[in-house]
Each structure stands twice: as structure tokens, then as C-alpha cells.
Amino acid sequence: MTKPEHHNTVHVVGRLATAAEVREMPSGDTAVVWRVVVERVDTSRGRVDTLACVAWAAATRRAALRWQPGDVVEVQGALRRRFWRSPTGPASRYEIEVSRGRRIGGRPTS
């Protein structure tokens, strides 16, 4: 019997919650971070998930910085758990480490 291959792939389509922003890490590396709001399949209750995204590659960072809040975007990458020290002790969060992203639609018109 063969061992199943591990796989960590995330593919999300949703609306950009706020403008992407550049963050410089303590290591000196630069990342671009943003949040994507995704409606759940059963939207009868209006529930959504807000997902943190981060891009490290230059091309993906540049693309994300061009998007506007409300744009429909598609991101692909992997789910990562990031750890850091906060003033109250160790902390962590899950985020999508985006390898590819693109804008697929504009903001809704009123």
C-alpha cells in the first residue's frame, strides 16, 4: 500500500476587504498583506469568512498593490501558520501564503 501524498493547496475567490499594504518584517524581508472576504456556500444567513493573505514574491506583491477594496480577486497558494512573540506572549495565526493572484472583477456599482 502506498502512502498518500501530502498536499497543501488553497484556491480562493472573494472580495478584497481593504487595500493591500506593504509590511517590513523584523528580518528585513518585505511582504504585502491583505484580507479577502469569501461568502460561504450557504449564504442564506449572510455568513462570510475573512481570510488573511500574504505575498512574498515581487510579482504577486505588485499585483496585490494595484487592487482596490471591493475588487473580486482570485488567489492560489498554501495555508501557513505563522508564529511570533507579542507583548502578551507567543501568538500565531493562519494565513494564505499566496503564490499567484489576479483581479477578476471590479467593485459592485450602486
PDB file of N, CA and C in Angstrom:
ATOM      1  N   MET A   1       0.853  -1.184   0.000  1.00  0.00           N
ATOM      2  CA  MET A   1       0.000   0.000   0.000  1.00  0.00           C
ATOM      3  C   MET A   1       0.891   1.236   0.000  1.00  0.00           C
ATOM      4  N   THR A   2       0.597   2.177  -0.868  1.00  0.00           N
ATOM      5  CA  THR A   2       1.411   3.384  -0.933  1.00  0.00           C
ATOM      6  C   THR A   2       0.885   4.431   0.040  1.00  0.00           C
ATOM      7  N   LYS A   3       1.804   5.222   0.515  1.00  0.00           N
ATOM      8  CA  LYS A   3       1.466   6.294   1.444  1.00  0.00           C
ATOM      9  C   LYS A   3       0.880   7.480   0.665  1.00  0.00           C
ATOM     10  N   PRO A   4      -0.261   8.041   1.116  1.00  0.00           N
ATOM     11  CA  PRO A   4      -0.836   9.170   0.389  1.00  0.00           C
ATOM     12  C   PRO A   4       0.098  10.375   0.436  1.00  0.00           C
ATOM     13  N   GLU A   5       0.133  11.093  -0.675  1.00  0.00           N
ATOM     14  CA  GLU A   5       0.975  12.280  -0.762  1.00  0.00           C
ATOM     15  C   GLU A   5       0.302  13.439  -0.036  1.00  0.00           C
ATOM     16  N   HIS A   6       1.078  14.151   0.757  1.00  0.00           N
ATOM     17  CA  HIS A   6       0.539  15.327   1.448  1.00  0.00           C
ATOM     18  C   HIS A   6       0.356  16.445   0.433  1.00  0.00           C
ATOM     19  N   HIS A   7      -0.662  17.272   0.658  1.00  0.00           N
ATOM     20  CA  HIS A   7      -0.985  18.317  -0.311  1.00  0.00           C
ATOM     21  C   HIS A   7      -1.557  19.522   0.440  1.00  0.00           C
ATOM     22  N   ASN A   8      -1.022  20.696   0.219  1.00  0.00           N
ATOM     23  CA  ASN A   8      -1.494  21.914   0.866  1.00  0.00           C
ATOM     24  C   ASN A   8      -1.686  22.970  -0.222  1.00  0.00           C
ATOM     25  N   THR A   9      -2.883  23.020  -0.776  1.00  0.00           N
ATOM     26  CA  THR A   9      -3.203  23.972  -1.825  1.00  0.00           C
ATOM     27  C   THR A   9      -4.489  24.691  -1.460  1.00  0.00           C
ATOM     28  N   VAL A  10      -4.473  26.012  -1.593  1.00  0.00           N
ATOM     29  CA  VAL A  10      -5.651  26.825  -1.308  1.00  0.00           C
ATOM     30  C   VAL A  10      -5.984  27.615  -2.561  1.00  0.00           C
ATOM     31  N   HIS A  11      -7.265  27.653  -2.915  1.00  0.00           N
ATOM     32  CA  HIS A  11      -7.752  28.425  -4.063  1.00  0.00           C
ATOM     33  C   HIS A  11      -8.992  29.165  -3.587  1.00  0.00           C
ATOM     34  N   VAL A  12      -8.926  30.488  -3.587  1.00  0.00           N
ATOM     35  CA  VAL A  12      -9.999  31.309  -3.033  1.00  0.00           C
ATOM     36  C   VAL A  12     -10.386  32.394  -4.030  1.00  0.00           C
ATOM     37  N   VAL A  13     -11.694  32.615  -4.174  1.00  0.00           N
ATOM     38  CA  VAL A  13     -12.207  33.752  -4.933  1.00  0.00           C
ATOM     39  C   VAL A  13     -13.109  34.532  -3.987  1.00  0.00           C
ATOM     40  N   GLY A  14     -12.828  35.827  -3.852  1.00  0.00           N
ATOM     41  CA  GLY A  14     -13.616  36.665  -2.954  1.00  0.00           C
ATOM     42  C   GLY A  14     -13.346  38.133  -3.205  1.00  0.00           C
ATOM     43  N   ARG A  15     -13.871  38.973  -2.322  1.00  0.00           N
ATOM     44  CA  ARG A  15     -13.707  40.421  -2.458  1.00  0.00           C
ATOM     45  C   ARG A  15     -12.588  40.910  -1.543  1.00  0.00           C
ATOM     46  N   LEU A  16     -11.800  41.849  -2.066  1.00  0.00           N
ATOM     47  CA  LEU A  16     -10.739  42.461  -1.280  1.00  0.00           C
ATOM     48  C   LEU A  16     -11.383  43.315  -0.198  1.00  0.00           C
ATOM     49  N   ALA A  17     -11.073  43.035   1.066  1.00  0.00           N
ATOM     50  CA  ALA A  17     -11.699  43.736   2.187  1.00  0.00           C
ATOM     51  C   ALA A  17     -11.149  45.148   2.349  1.00  0.00           C
ATOM     52  N   THR A  18      -9.844  45.297   2.299  1.00  0.00           N
ATOM     53  CA  THR A  18      -9.182  46.595   2.423  1.00  0.00           C
ATOM     54  C   THR A  18      -7.998  46.588   1.476  1.00  0.00           C
ATOM     55  N   ALA A  19      -7.458  47.749   1.222  1.00  0.00           N
ATOM     56  CA  ALA A  19      -6.302  47.840   0.329  1.00  0.00           C
ATOM     57  C   ALA A  19      -5.129  47.046   0.894  1.00  0.00           C
ATOM     58  N   ALA A  20      -4.388  46.410   0.005  1.00  0.00           N
ATOM     59  CA  ALA A  20      -3.189  45.675   0.413  1.00  0.00           C
ATOM     60  C   ALA A  20      -2.159  46.674   0.933  1.00  0.00           C
ATOM     61  N   GLU A  21      -1.350  46.227   1.873  1.00  0.00           N
ATOM     62  CA  GLU A  21      -0.325  47.121   2.411  1.00  0.00           C
ATOM     63  C   GLU A  21       1.014  46.411   2.531  1.00  0.00           C
ATOM     64  N   VAL A  22       2.057  47.189   2.405  1.00  0.00           N
ATOM     65  CA  VAL A  22       3.423  46.672   2.490  1.00  0.00           C
ATOM     66  C   VAL A  22       3.813  46.592   3.962  1.00  0.00           C
ATOM     67  N   ARG A  23       4.424  45.474   4.332  1.00  0.00           N
ATOM     68  CA  ARG A  23       4.933  45.301   5.697  1.00  0.00           C
ATOM     69  C   ARG A  23       6.389  44.862   5.630  1.00  0.00           C
ATOM     70  N   GLU A  24       7.207  45.520   6.400  1.00  0.00           N
ATOM     71  CA  GLU A  24       8.597  45.090   6.506  1.00  0.00           C
ATOM     72  C   GLU A  24       8.713  44.228   7.754  1.00  0.00           C
ATOM     73  N   MET A  25       9.273  43.045   7.578  1.00  0.00           N
ATOM     74  CA  MET A  25       9.422  42.098   8.676  1.00  0.00           C
ATOM     75  C   MET A  25      10.689  42.416   9.470  1.00  0.00           C
ATOM     76  N   PRO A  26      10.762  41.956  10.719  1.00  0.00           N
ATOM     77  CA  PRO A  26      11.978  42.166  11.514  1.00  0.00           C
ATOM     78  C   PRO A  26      13.234  41.636  10.819  1.00  0.00           C
ATOM     79  N   SER A  27      13.073  40.644   9.959  1.00  0.00           N
ATOM     80  CA  SER A  27      14.207  40.069   9.233  1.00  0.00           C
ATOM     81  C   SER A  27      14.696  40.992   8.109  1.00  0.00           C
ATOM     82  N   GLY A  28      13.893  42.029   7.783  1.00  0.00           N
ATOM     83  CA  GLY A  28      14.225  42.907   6.670  1.00  0.00           C
ATOM     84  C   GLY A  28      13.495  42.534   5.389  1.00  0.00           C
ATOM     85  N   ASP A  29      12.860  41.370   5.354  1.00  0.00           N
ATOM     86  CA  ASP A  29      12.085  40.955   4.183  1.00  0.00           C
ATOM     87  C   ASP A  29      10.835  41.828   4.062  1.00  0.00           C
ATOM     88  N   THR A  30      10.363  41.981   2.837  1.00  0.00           N
ATOM     89  CA  THR A  30       9.156  42.760   2.580  1.00  0.00           C
ATOM     90  C   THR A  30       8.043  41.820   2.137  1.00  0.00           C
ATOM     91  N   ALA A  31       6.860  42.034   2.698  1.00  0.00           N
ATOM     92  CA  ALA A  31       5.677  41.259   2.324  1.00  0.00           C
ATOM     93  C   ALA A  31       4.540  42.233   2.066  1.00  0.00           C
ATOM     94  N   VAL A  32       3.559  41.796   1.302  1.00  0.00           N
ATOM     95  CA  VAL A  32       2.332  42.553   1.116  1.00  0.00           C
ATOM     96  C   VAL A  32       1.214  41.719   1.719  1.00  0.00           C
ATOM     97  N   VAL A  33       0.388  42.352   2.538  1.00  0.00           N
ATOM     98  CA  VAL A  33      -0.686  41.644   3.235  1.00  0.00           C
ATOM     99  C   VAL A  33      -2.030  42.269   2.896  1.00  0.00           C
ATOM    100  N   TRP A  34      -3.067  41.439   2.893  1.00  0.00           N
ATOM    101  CA  TRP A  34      -4.433  41.897   2.647  1.00  0.00           C
ATOM    102  C   TRP A  34      -5.396  40.852   3.160  1.00  0.00           C
ATOM    103  N   ARG A  35      -6.676  41.171   3.124  1.00  0.00           N
ATOM    104  CA  ARG A  35      -7.718  40.238   3.544  1.00  0.00           C
ATOM    105  C   ARG A  35      -8.741  40.084   2.422  1.00  0.00           C
ATOM    106  N   VAL A  36      -9.197  38.852   2.257  1.00  0.00           N
ATOM    107  CA  VAL A  36     -10.220  38.536   1.262  1.00  0.00           C
ATOM    108  C   VAL A  36     -11.462  38.046   2.003  1.00  0.00           C
ATOM    109  N   VAL A  37     -12.616  38.592   1.632  1.00  0.00           N
ATOM    110  CA  VAL A  37     -13.890  38.179   2.216  1.00  0.00           C
ATOM    111  C   VAL A  37     -14.549  37.213   1.241  1.00  0.00           C
ATOM    112  N   VAL A  38     -14.888  36.024   1.743  1.00  0.00           N
ATOM    113  CA  VAL A  38     -15.474  34.973   0.916  1.00  0.00           C
ATOM    114  C   VAL A  38     -16.825  34.577   1.509  1.00  0.00           C
ATOM    115  N   GLU A  39     -17.863  34.634   0.674  1.00  0.00           N
ATOM    116  CA  GLU A  39     -19.177  34.191   1.130  1.00  0.00           C
ATOM    117  C   GLU A  39     -19.168  32.679   1.282  1.00  0.00           C
ATOM    118  N   ARG A  40     -19.817  32.199   2.305  1.00  0.00           N
ATOM    119  CA  ARG A  40     -19.952  30.760   2.478  1.00  0.00           C
ATOM    120  C   ARG A  40     -20.965  30.229   1.477  1.00  0.00           C
ATOM    121  N   VAL A  41     -20.895  28.929   1.190  1.00  0.00           N
ATOM    122  CA  VAL A  41     -21.777  28.324   0.202  1.00  0.00           C
ATOM    123  C   VAL A  41     -23.238  28.550   0.586  1.00  0.00           C
ATOM    124  N   ASP A  42     -23.580  28.345   1.848  1.00  0.00           N
ATOM    125  CA  ASP A  42     -24.948  28.590   2.309  1.00  0.00           C
ATOM    126  C   ASP A  42     -25.011  30.045   2.761  1.00  0.00           C
ATOM    127  N   THR A  43     -25.385  30.939   1.846  1.00  0.00           N
ATOM    128  CA  THR A  43     -25.402  32.370   2.158  1.00  0.00           C
ATOM    129  C   THR A  43     -26.757  32.848   2.667  1.00  0.00           C
ATOM    130  N   SER A  44     -27.640  31.916   2.984  1.00  0.00           N
ATOM    131  CA  SER A  44     -28.967  32.329   3.446  1.00  0.00           C
ATOM    132  C   SER A  44     -28.868  33.125   4.743  1.00  0.00           C
ATOM    133  N   ARG A  45     -27.811  32.924   5.499  1.00  0.00           N
ATOM    134  CA  ARG A  45     -27.620  33.672   6.740  1.00  0.00           C
ATOM    135  C   ARG A  45     -26.619  34.806   6.571  1.00  0.00           C
ATOM    136  N   GLY A  46     -26.134  34.998   5.352  1.00  0.00           N
ATOM    137  CA  GLY A  46     -25.207  36.089   5.109  1.00  0.00           C
ATOM    138  C   GLY A  46     -23.839  35.922   5.748  1.00  0.00           C
ATOM    139  N   ARG A  47     -23.426  34.700   5.987  1.00  0.00           N
ATOM    140  CA  ARG A  47     -22.144  34.461   6.639  1.00  0.00           C
ATOM    141  C   ARG A  47     -20.994  34.516   5.647  1.00  0.00           C
ATOM    142  N   VAL A  48     -19.887  35.041   6.130  1.00  0.00           N
ATOM    143  CA  VAL A  48     -18.685  35.146   5.309  1.00  0.00           C
ATOM    144  C   VAL A  48     -17.481  34.719   6.145  1.00  0.00           C
ATOM    145  N   ASP A  49     -16.406  34.425   5.461  1.00  0.00           N
ATOM    146  CA  ASP A  49     -15.113  34.196   6.109  1.00  0.00           C
ATOM    147  C   ASP A  49     -14.171  35.284   5.622  1.00  0.00           C
ATOM    148  N   THR A  50     -13.392  35.845   6.525  1.00  0.00           N
ATOM    149  CA  THR A  50     -12.385  36.833   6.174  1.00  0.00           C
ATOM    150  C   THR A  50     -11.032  36.165   6.347  1.00  0.00           C
ATOM    151  N   LEU A  51     -10.278  36.075   5.251  1.00  0.00           N
ATOM    152  CA  LEU A  51      -9.045  35.304   5.221  1.00  0.00           C
ATOM    153  C   LEU A  51      -7.837  36.215   5.016  1.00  0.00           C
ATOM    154  N   ALA A  52      -6.849  36.062   5.885  1.00  0.00           N
ATOM    155  CA  ALA A  52      -5.613  36.833   5.766  1.00  0.00           C
ATOM    156  C   ALA A  52      -4.755  36.236   4.658  1.00  0.00           C
ATOM    157  N   CYS A  53      -4.163  37.111   3.844  1.00  0.00           N
ATOM    158  CA  CYS A  53      -3.302  36.692   2.743  1.00  0.00           C
ATOM    159  C   CYS A  53      -1.966  37.428   2.851  1.00  0.00           C
ATOM    160  N   VAL A  54      -0.894  36.770   2.418  1.00  0.00           N
ATOM    161  CA  VAL A  54       0.424  37.399   2.391  1.00  0.00           C
ATOM    162  C   VAL A  54       1.137  36.960   1.118  1.00  0.00           C
ATOM    163  N   ALA A  55       1.837  37.899   0.499  1.00  0.00           N
ATOM    164  CA  ALA A  55       2.624  37.601  -0.703  1.00  0.00           C
ATOM    165  C   ALA A  55       4.060  38.016  -0.456  1.00  0.00           C
ATOM    166  N   TRP A  56       4.988  37.138  -0.815  1.00  0.00           N
ATOM    167  CA  TRP A  56       6.422  37.406  -0.669  1.00  0.00           C
ATOM    168  C   TRP A  56       7.081  37.670  -2.011  1.00  0.00           C
ATOM    169  N   ALA A  57       6.603  37.021  -3.077  1.00  0.00           N
ATOM    170  CA  ALA A  57       7.213  37.168  -4.405  1.00  0.00           C
ATOM    171  C   ALA A  57       6.897  38.554  -4.973  1.00  0.00           C
ATOM    172  N   ALA A  58       7.883  39.163  -5.620  1.00  0.00           N
ATOM    173  CA  ALA A  58       7.763  40.536  -6.112  1.00  0.00           C
ATOM    174  C   ALA A  58       6.576  40.712  -7.062  1.00  0.00           C
ATOM    175  N   ALA A  59       6.386  39.809  -8.011  1.00  0.00           N
ATOM    176  CA  ALA A  59       5.299  39.955  -8.989  1.00  0.00           C
ATOM    177  C   ALA A  59       3.940  39.899  -8.304  1.00  0.00           C
ATOM    178  N   THR A  60       3.771  39.022  -7.348  1.00  0.00           N
ATOM    179  CA  THR A  60       2.498  38.890  -6.636  1.00  0.00           C
ATOM    180  C   THR A  60       2.266  40.105  -5.742  1.00  0.00           C
ATOM    181  N   ARG A  61       3.333  40.610  -5.115  1.00  0.00           N
ATOM    182  CA  ARG A  61       3.205  41.823  -4.296  1.00  0.00           C
ATOM    183  C   ARG A  61       2.745  43.005  -5.147  1.00  0.00           C
ATOM    184  N   ARG A  62       3.354  43.176  -6.316  1.00  0.00           N
ATOM    185  CA  ARG A  62       2.983  44.290  -7.205  1.00  0.00           C
ATOM    186  C   ARG A  62       1.519  44.192  -7.643  1.00  0.00           C
ATOM    187  N   ALA A  63       1.088  42.987  -8.002  1.00  0.00           N
ATOM    188  CA  ALA A  63      -0.301  42.796  -8.432  1.00  0.00           C
ATOM    189  C   ALA A  63      -1.266  43.170  -7.315  1.00  0.00           C
ATOM    190  N   ALA A  64      -1.021  42.683  -6.115  1.00  0.00           N
ATOM    191  CA  ALA A  64      -1.927  42.934  -4.983  1.00  0.00           C
ATOM    192  C   ALA A  64      -2.018  44.422  -4.657  1.00  0.00           C
ATOM    193  N   LEU A  65      -0.928  45.151  -4.814  1.00  0.00           N
ATOM    194  CA  LEU A  65      -0.939  46.582  -4.503  1.00  0.00           C
ATOM    195  C   LEU A  65      -1.766  47.393  -5.502  1.00  0.00           C
ATOM    196  N   ARG A  66      -2.076  46.828  -6.664  1.00  0.00           N
ATOM    197  CA  ARG A  66      -2.910  47.512  -7.672  1.00  0.00           C
ATOM    198  C   ARG A  66      -4.408  47.301  -7.427  1.00  0.00           C
ATOM    199  N   TRP A  67      -4.766  46.302  -6.648  1.00  0.00           N
ATOM    200  CA  TRP A  67      -6.175  46.016  -6.405  1.00  0.00           C
ATOM    201  C   TRP A  67      -6.793  47.074  -5.505  1.00  0.00           C
ATOM    202  N   GLN A  68      -8.119  47.255  -5.654  1.00  0.00           N
ATOM    203  CA  GLN A  68      -8.875  48.220  -4.852  1.00  0.00           C
ATOM    204  C   GLN A  68      -9.868  47.472  -3.959  1.00  0.00           C
ATOM    205  N   PRO A  69     -10.159  48.007  -2.773  1.00  0.00           N
ATOM    206  CA  PRO A  69     -11.167  47.369  -1.914  1.00  0.00           C
ATOM    207  C   PRO A  69     -12.465  47.144  -2.690  1.00  0.00           C
ATOM    208  N   GLY A  70     -13.027  45.961  -2.543  1.00  0.00           N
ATOM    209  CA  GLY A  70     -14.248  45.585  -3.250  1.00  0.00           C
ATOM    210  C   GLY A  70     -13.998  44.816  -4.524  1.00  0.00           C
ATOM    211  N   ASP A  71     -12.772  44.872  -5.073  1.00  0.00           N
ATOM    212  CA  ASP A  71     -12.447  44.088  -6.262  1.00  0.00           C
ATOM    213  C   ASP A  71     -12.614  42.597  -5.966  1.00  0.00           C
ATOM    214  N   VAL A  72     -13.066  41.858  -6.966  1.00  0.00           N
ATOM    215  CA  VAL A  72     -13.111  40.398  -6.849  1.00  0.00           C
ATOM    216  C   VAL A  72     -11.745  39.876  -7.279  1.00  0.00           C
ATOM    217  N   VAL A  73     -11.122  39.096  -6.406  1.00  0.00           N
ATOM    218  CA  VAL A  73      -9.788  38.580  -6.687  1.00  0.00           C
ATOM    219  C   VAL A  73      -9.764  37.066  -6.518  1.00  0.00           C
ATOM    220  N   GLU A  74      -8.834  36.463  -7.217  1.00  0.00           N
ATOM    221  CA  GLU A  74      -8.605  35.022  -7.121  1.00  0.00           C
ATOM    222  C   GLU A  74      -7.167  34.842  -6.626  1.00  0.00           C
ATOM    223  N   VAL A  75      -6.996  34.064  -5.557  1.00  0.00           N
ATOM    224  CA  VAL A  75      -5.660  33.802  -5.041  1.00  0.00           C
ATOM    225  C   VAL A  75      -5.448  32.304  -4.915  1.00  0.00           C
ATOM    226  N   GLN A  76      -4.213  31.892  -5.165  1.00  0.00           N
ATOM    227  CA  GLN A  76      -3.822  30.495  -5.011  1.00  0.00           C
ATOM    228  C   GLN A  76      -2.547  30.456  -4.198  1.00  0.00           C
ATOM    229  N   GLY A  77      -2.443  29.472  -3.350  1.00  0.00           N
ATOM    230  CA  GLY A  77      -1.246  29.347  -2.528  1.00  0.00           C
ATOM    231  C   GLY A  77      -1.380  28.192  -1.565  1.00  0.00           C
ATOM    232  N   ALA A  78      -0.825  28.397  -0.368  1.00  0.00           N
ATOM    233  CA  ALA A  78      -0.820  27.353   0.649  1.00  0.00           C
ATOM    234  C   ALA A  78      -1.213  27.957   1.991  1.00  0.00           C
ATOM    235  N   LEU A  79      -1.837  27.159   2.832  1.00  0.00           N
ATOM    236  CA  LEU A  79      -2.200  27.586   4.172  1.00  0.00           C
ATOM    237  C   LEU A  79      -0.970  27.472   5.062  1.00  0.00           C
ATOM    238  N   ARG A  80      -0.654  28.552   5.759  1.00  0.00           N
ATOM    239  CA  ARG A  80       0.509  28.568   6.648  1.00  0.00           C
ATOM    240  C   ARG A  80       0.085  29.059   8.029  1.00  0.00           C
ATOM    241  N   ARG A  81       0.791  28.596   9.048  1.00  0.00           N
ATOM    242  CA  ARG A  81       0.606  29.107  10.401  1.00  0.00           C
ATOM    243  C   ARG A  81       1.868  29.856  10.773  1.00  0.00           C
ATOM    244  N   ARG A  82       1.707  31.138  11.090  1.00  0.00           N
ATOM    245  CA  ARG A  82       2.839  31.993  11.414  1.00  0.00           C
ATOM    246  C   ARG A  82       2.869  32.221  12.918  1.00  0.00           C
ATOM    247  N   PHE A  83       4.067  32.167  13.492  1.00  0.00           N
ATOM    248  CA  PHE A  83       4.259  32.365  14.929  1.00  0.00           C
ATOM    249  C   PHE A  83       5.093  33.615  15.157  1.00  0.00           C
ATOM    250  N   TRP A  84       4.819  34.332  16.244  1.00  0.00           N
ATOM    251  CA  TRP A  84       5.634  35.476  16.636  1.00  0.00           C
ATOM    252  C   TRP A  84       5.448  35.728  18.123  1.00  0.00           C
ATOM    253  N   ARG A  85       6.296  36.588  18.640  1.00  0.00           N
ATOM    254  CA  ARG A  85       6.181  36.980  20.043  1.00  0.00           C
ATOM    255  C   ARG A  85       5.458  38.314  20.112  1.00  0.00           C
ATOM    256  N   SER A  86       4.409  38.366  20.929  1.00  0.00           N
ATOM    257  CA  SER A  86       3.659  39.601  21.125  1.00  0.00           C
ATOM    258  C   SER A  86       3.941  40.106  22.544  1.00  0.00           C
ATOM    259  N   PRO A  87       3.512  41.300  22.861  1.00  0.00           N
ATOM    260  CA  PRO A  87       3.720  41.803  24.227  1.00  0.00           C
ATOM    261  C   PRO A  87       3.068  40.932  25.295  1.00  0.00           C
ATOM    262  N   THR A  88       2.042  40.172  24.909  1.00  0.00           N
ATOM    263  CA  THR A  88       1.359  39.308  25.883  1.00  0.00           C
ATOM    264  C   THR A  88       1.835  37.858  25.834  1.00  0.00           C
ATOM    265  N   GLY A  89       2.839  37.560  24.993  1.00  0.00           N
ATOM    266  CA  GLY A  89       3.364  36.203  24.899  1.00  0.00           C
ATOM    267  C   GLY A  89       3.312  35.677  23.480  1.00  0.00           C
ATOM    268  N   PRO A  90       3.597  34.387  23.312  1.00  0.00           N
ATOM    269  CA  PRO A  90       3.589  33.806  21.969  1.00  0.00           C
ATOM    270  C   PRO A  90       2.207  33.930  21.316  1.00  0.00           C
ATOM    271  N   ALA A  91       2.215  34.158  20.006  1.00  0.00           N
ATOM    272  CA  ALA A  91       0.964  34.289  19.251  1.00  0.00           C
ATOM    273  C   ALA A  91       1.132  33.595  17.901  1.00  0.00           C
ATOM    274  N   SER A  92       0.002  33.282  17.267  1.00  0.00           N
ATOM    275  CA  SER A  92       0.054  32.672  15.941  1.00  0.00           C
ATOM    276  C   SER A  92      -1.245  32.972  15.212  1.00  0.00           C
ATOM    277  N   ARG A  93      -1.197  32.792  13.892  1.00  0.00           N
ATOM    278  CA  ARG A  93      -2.406  32.884  13.081  1.00  0.00           C
ATOM    279  C   ARG A  93      -2.181  32.125  11.789  1.00  0.00           C
ATOM    280  N   TYR A  94      -3.297  31.713  11.192  1.00  0.00           N
ATOM    281  CA  TYR A  94      -3.249  31.064   9.884  1.00  0.00           C
ATOM    282  C   TYR A  94      -3.441  32.124   8.815  1.00  0.00           C
ATOM    283  N   GLU A  95      -2.746  31.965   7.696  1.00  0.00           N
ATOM    284  CA  GLU A  95      -2.894  32.870   6.568  1.00  0.00           C
ATOM    285  C   GLU A  95      -2.620  32.101   5.288  1.00  0.00           C
ATOM    286  N   ILE A  96      -3.087  32.659   4.190  1.00  0.00           N
ATOM    287  CA  ILE A  96      -2.802  32.069   2.889  1.00  0.00           C
ATOM    288  C   ILE A  96      -1.521  32.705   2.370  1.00  0.00           C
ATOM    289  N   GLU A  97      -0.507  31.881   2.148  1.00  0.00           N
ATOM    290  CA  GLU A  97       0.732  32.354   1.533  1.00  0.00           C
ATOM    291  C   GLU A  97       0.510  32.272   0.023  1.00  0.00           C
ATOM    292  N   VAL A  98       0.278  33.424  -0.590  1.00  0.00           N
ATOM    293  CA  VAL A  98      -0.175  33.492  -1.974  1.00  0.00           C
ATOM    294  C   VAL A  98       0.992  33.358  -2.942  1.00  0.00           C
ATOM    295  N   SER A  99       0.882  32.409  -3.855  1.00  0.00           N
ATOM    296  CA  SER A  99       1.898  32.247  -4.898  1.00  0.00           C
ATOM    297  C   SER A  99       1.436  32.878  -6.215  1.00  0.00           C
ATOM    298  N   ARG A 100       0.103  32.939  -6.410  1.00  0.00           N
ATOM    299  CA  ARG A 100      -0.462  33.568  -7.619  1.00  0.00           C
ATOM    300  C   ARG A 100      -1.737  34.285  -7.236  1.00  0.00           C
ATOM    301  N   GLY A 101      -1.937  35.445  -7.818  1.00  0.00           N
ATOM    302  CA  GLY A 101      -3.163  36.191  -7.558  1.00  0.00           C
ATOM    303  C   GLY A 101      -3.501  37.055  -8.746  1.00  0.00           C
ATOM    304  N   ARG A 102      -4.808  37.281  -8.935  1.00  0.00           N
ATOM    305  CA  ARG A 102      -5.232  38.152 -10.024  1.00  0.00           C
ATOM    306  C   ARG A 102      -6.594  38.754  -9.703  1.00  0.00           C
ATOM    307  N   ARG A 103      -6.823  39.908 -10.264  1.00  0.00           N
ATOM    308  CA  ARG A 103      -8.110  40.577 -10.156  1.00  0.00           C
ATOM    309  C   ARG A 103      -9.006  40.017 -11.256  1.00  0.00           C
ATOM    310  N   ILE A 104     -10.217  39.580 -10.885  1.00  0.00           N
ATOM    311  CA  ILE A 104     -11.100  39.018 -11.910  1.00  0.00           C
ATOM    312  C   ILE A 104     -12.376  39.812 -12.074  1.00  0.00           C
ATOM    313  N   GLY A 105     -12.575  40.842 -11.261  1.00  0.00           N
ATOM    314  CA  GLY A 105     -13.749  41.680 -11.388  1.00  0.00           C
ATOM    315  C   GLY A 105     -13.624  42.921 -10.527  1.00  0.00           C
ATOM    316  N   GLY A 106     -14.371  43.935 -10.898  1.00  0.00           N
ATOM    317  CA  GLY A 106     -14.322  45.196 -10.172  1.00  0.00           C
ATOM    318  C   GLY A 106     -15.306  45.250  -9.026  1.00  0.00           C
ATOM    319  N   ARG A 107     -15.291  46.388  -8.375  1.00  0.00           N
ATOM    320  CA  ARG A 107     -16.231  46.636  -7.278  1.00  0.00           C
ATOM    321  C   ARG A 107     -17.645  46.693  -7.822  1.00  0.00           C
ATOM    322  N   PRO A 108     -18.600  46.270  -7.001  1.00  0.00           N
ATOM    323  CA  PRO A 108     -20.001  46.372  -7.452  1.00  0.00           C
ATOM    324  C   PRO A 108     -20.416  47.830  -7.542  1.00  0.00           C
ATOM    325  N   THR A 109     -21.246  48.143  -8.506  1.00  0.00           N
ATOM    326  CA  THR A 109     -21.748  49.502  -8.637  1.00  0.00           C
ATOM    327  C   THR A 109     -23.045  49.647  -7.880  1.00  0.00           C
ATOM    328  N   SER A 110     -23.280  50.825  -7.332  1.00  0.00           N
ATOM    329  CA  SER A 110     -24.510  51.066  -6.544  1.00  0.00           C
ATOM    330  C   SER A 110     -25.658  51.402  -7.441  1.00  0.00           C
TER     331      SER A 110
END
